[in-house]
Amino acid sequence: MAIDPPSETELEAAVFRRLRAHLMERRPDVQNIALMNLAGFCRNCLADWYREAAAERGLELTREQARERIYGMPYAEFKARYQAEATPEQLAAFAARPRSQE
């Protein structure tokens, strides 16, 4: 089945919104460092990619504005509610992972 470019863009946007909602509404307990160690990206990466995509289209967003779009709230509020200190094991795994994953 062929998908026309506008439909493909709509589908990709829907998938992104679902991923963001999943991370923020269903699994805010999943720590960013766990995402980085397992998948090579985290919510902050999504915010950076969001900001970069905006810049490519001539839109300026600060890092905090982009994070708020991804987190659904100010980053400081998310950290206070959900972010735990990384364990020594998580930090060691993060330091040991190949940087080519990013």
C-alpha atoms as a PDB file:
ATOM      1  CA  MET A   1       0.000   0.000   0.000  1.00  0.00           C
ATOM      2  CA  ALA A   2       1.404   3.357  -0.994  1.00  0.00           C
ATOM      3  CA  ILE A   3       1.065   6.201   1.471  1.00  0.00           C
ATOM      4  CA  ASP A   4       1.099   9.739   0.113  1.00  0.00           C
ATOM      5  CA  PRO A   5       3.536  12.217   1.730  1.00  0.00           C
ATOM      6  CA  PRO A   6       0.890  14.264   3.598  1.00  0.00           C
ATOM      7  CA  SER A   7      -0.614  11.094   5.087  1.00  0.00           C
ATOM      8  CA  GLU A   8       2.842   9.834   6.025  1.00  0.00           C
ATOM      9  CA  THR A   9       3.537  13.096   7.850  1.00  0.00           C
ATOM     10  CA  GLU A  10       0.201  12.833   9.679  1.00  0.00           C
ATOM     11  CA  LEU A  11       0.932   9.242  10.690  1.00  0.00           C
ATOM     12  CA  GLU A  12       4.419  10.111  11.920  1.00  0.00           C
ATOM     13  CA  ALA A  13       3.017  13.015  13.917  1.00  0.00           C
ATOM     14  CA  ALA A  14       0.374  10.749  15.461  1.00  0.00           C
ATOM     15  CA  VAL A  15       3.024   8.198  16.425  1.00  0.00           C
ATOM     16  CA  PHE A  16       5.171  10.930  17.990  1.00  0.00           C
ATOM     17  CA  ARG A  17       2.213  12.251  19.991  1.00  0.00           C
ATOM     18  CA  ARG A  18       1.460   8.725  21.191  1.00  0.00           C
ATOM     19  CA  LEU A  19       5.095   8.140  22.209  1.00  0.00           C
ATOM     20  CA  ARG A  20       5.160  11.442  24.085  1.00  0.00           C
ATOM     21  CA  ALA A  21       1.858  10.667  25.830  1.00  0.00           C
ATOM     22  CA  HIS A  22       3.048   7.183  26.705  1.00  0.00           C
ATOM     23  CA  LEU A  23       6.231   8.522  28.311  1.00  0.00           C
ATOM     24  CA  MET A  24       4.498  11.352  30.117  1.00  0.00           C
ATOM     25  CA  GLU A  25       1.105   9.942  31.075  1.00  0.00           C
ATOM     26  CA  ARG A  26       1.548   6.203  31.334  1.00  0.00           C
ATOM     27  CA  ARG A  27       5.237   5.857  32.201  1.00  0.00           C
ATOM     28  CA  PRO A  28       6.581   9.010  33.874  1.00  0.00           C
ATOM     29  CA  ASP A  29       8.292   6.613  36.282  1.00  0.00           C
ATOM     30  CA  VAL A  30      10.729   5.498  33.566  1.00  0.00           C
ATOM     31  CA  GLN A  31      13.874   7.475  34.265  1.00  0.00           C
ATOM     32  CA  ASN A  32      15.703   9.317  31.497  1.00  0.00           C
ATOM     33  CA  ILE A  33      18.957   7.543  32.328  1.00  0.00           C
ATOM     34  CA  ALA A  34      17.214   4.184  31.891  1.00  0.00           C
ATOM     35  CA  LEU A  35      15.993   5.300  28.482  1.00  0.00           C
ATOM     36  CA  MET A  36      19.485   6.491  27.549  1.00  0.00           C
ATOM     37  CA  ASN A  37      21.088   3.236  28.671  1.00  0.00           C
ATOM     38  CA  LEU A  38      18.564   1.038  26.878  1.00  0.00           C
ATOM     39  CA  ALA A  39      17.545   3.056  23.828  1.00  0.00           C
ATOM     40  CA  GLY A  40      20.233   5.707  23.375  1.00  0.00           C
ATOM     41  CA  PHE A  41      17.752   8.577  23.756  1.00  0.00           C
ATOM     42  CA  CYS A  42      15.570  10.137  26.434  1.00  0.00           C
ATOM     43  CA  ARG A  43      12.946  12.830  26.854  1.00  0.00           C
ATOM     44  CA  ASN A  44      15.644  15.513  26.782  1.00  0.00           C
ATOM     45  CA  CYS A  45      16.838  14.143  23.434  1.00  0.00           C
ATOM     46  CA  LEU A  46      13.272  14.398  22.124  1.00  0.00           C
ATOM     47  CA  ALA A  47      13.171  18.010  23.291  1.00  0.00           C
ATOM     48  CA  ASP A  48      16.493  18.741  21.577  1.00  0.00           C
ATOM     49  CA  TRP A  49      15.261  17.125  18.351  1.00  0.00           C
ATOM     50  CA  TYR A  50      12.029  19.112  18.623  1.00  0.00           C
ATOM     51  CA  ARG A  51      13.974  22.347  18.998  1.00  0.00           C
ATOM     52  CA  GLU A  52      16.255  21.449  16.076  1.00  0.00           C
ATOM     53  CA  ALA A  53      13.255  20.689  13.861  1.00  0.00           C
ATOM     54  CA  ALA A  54      11.725  24.030  14.822  1.00  0.00           C
ATOM     55  CA  ALA A  55      14.977  25.846  14.022  1.00  0.00           C
ATOM     56  CA  GLU A  56      15.117  24.161  10.598  1.00  0.00           C
ATOM     57  CA  ARG A  57      11.743  25.765   9.948  1.00  0.00           C
ATOM     58  CA  GLY A  58      12.782  29.195  11.179  1.00  0.00           C
ATOM     59  CA  LEU A  59      11.105  28.884  14.583  1.00  0.00           C
ATOM     60  CA  GLU A  60      13.080  29.741  17.685  1.00  0.00           C
ATOM     61  CA  LEU A  61      12.462  27.799  20.855  1.00  0.00           C
ATOM     62  CA  THR A  62      14.544  27.874  23.977  1.00  0.00           C
ATOM     63  CA  ARG A  63      15.657  24.579  25.448  1.00  0.00           C
ATOM     64  CA  GLU A  64      13.169  25.053  28.290  1.00  0.00           C
ATOM     65  CA  GLN A  65      10.315  25.765  25.868  1.00  0.00           C
ATOM     66  CA  ALA A  66      11.105  22.611  23.905  1.00  0.00           C
ATOM     67  CA  ARG A  67      11.337  20.564  27.090  1.00  0.00           C
ATOM     68  CA  GLU A  68       7.963  21.829  28.238  1.00  0.00           C
ATOM     69  CA  ARG A  69       6.464  20.691  24.909  1.00  0.00           C
ATOM     70  CA  ILE A  70       7.856  17.202  25.474  1.00  0.00           C
ATOM     71  CA  TYR A  71       7.354  16.908  29.232  1.00  0.00           C
ATOM     72  CA  GLY A  72       3.921  18.521  29.231  1.00  0.00           C
ATOM     73  CA  MET A  73       5.045  20.727  32.121  1.00  0.00           C
ATOM     74  CA  PRO A  74       8.115  22.751  33.066  1.00  0.00           C
ATOM     75  CA  TYR A  75      11.161  20.493  33.277  1.00  0.00           C
ATOM     76  CA  ALA A  76      11.848  21.517  36.886  1.00  0.00           C
ATOM     77  CA  GLU A  77       8.342  20.419  37.843  1.00  0.00           C
ATOM     78  CA  PHE A  78       8.786  17.043  36.112  1.00  0.00           C
ATOM     79  CA  LYS A  79      12.118  16.526  37.858  1.00  0.00           C
ATOM     80  CA  ALA A  80      10.594  17.298  41.239  1.00  0.00           C
ATOM     81  CA  ARG A  81       7.655  14.954  40.659  1.00  0.00           C
ATOM     82  CA  TYR A  82       9.234  12.010  38.883  1.00  0.00           C
ATOM     83  CA  GLN A  83      13.004  12.126  38.555  1.00  0.00           C
ATOM     84  CA  ALA A  84      15.022   9.993  40.963  1.00  0.00           C
ATOM     85  CA  GLU A  85      18.751  10.138  41.489  1.00  0.00           C
ATOM     86  CA  ALA A  86      20.580   7.833  39.127  1.00  0.00           C
ATOM     87  CA  THR A  87      22.018   4.767  40.785  1.00  0.00           C
ATOM     88  CA  PRO A  88      25.763   4.098  40.655  1.00  0.00           C
ATOM     89  CA  GLU A  89      24.976   1.163  38.342  1.00  0.00           C
ATOM     90  CA  GLN A  90      23.004   3.380  35.955  1.00  0.00           C
ATOM     91  CA  LEU A  91      25.774   5.979  35.913  1.00  0.00           C
ATOM     92  CA  ALA A  92      28.393   3.297  35.214  1.00  0.00           C
ATOM     93  CA  ALA A  93      26.299   1.864  32.365  1.00  0.00           C
ATOM     94  CA  PHE A  94      25.831   5.349  30.957  1.00  0.00           C
ATOM     95  CA  ALA A  95      29.566   6.043  31.069  1.00  0.00           C
ATOM     96  CA  ALA A  96      30.383   2.679  29.473  1.00  0.00           C
ATOM     97  CA  ARG A  97      27.985   2.845  26.539  1.00  0.00           C
ATOM     98  CA  PRO A  98      29.325   3.654  23.084  1.00  0.00           C
ATOM     99  CA  ARG A  99      28.703   7.280  22.152  1.00  0.00           C
ATOM    100  CA  SER A 100      27.843   6.225  18.612  1.00  0.00           C
ATOM    101  CA  GLN A 101      24.405   5.246  19.988  1.00  0.00           C
ATOM    102  CA  GLU A 102      23.318   8.889  20.123  1.00  0.00           C
END
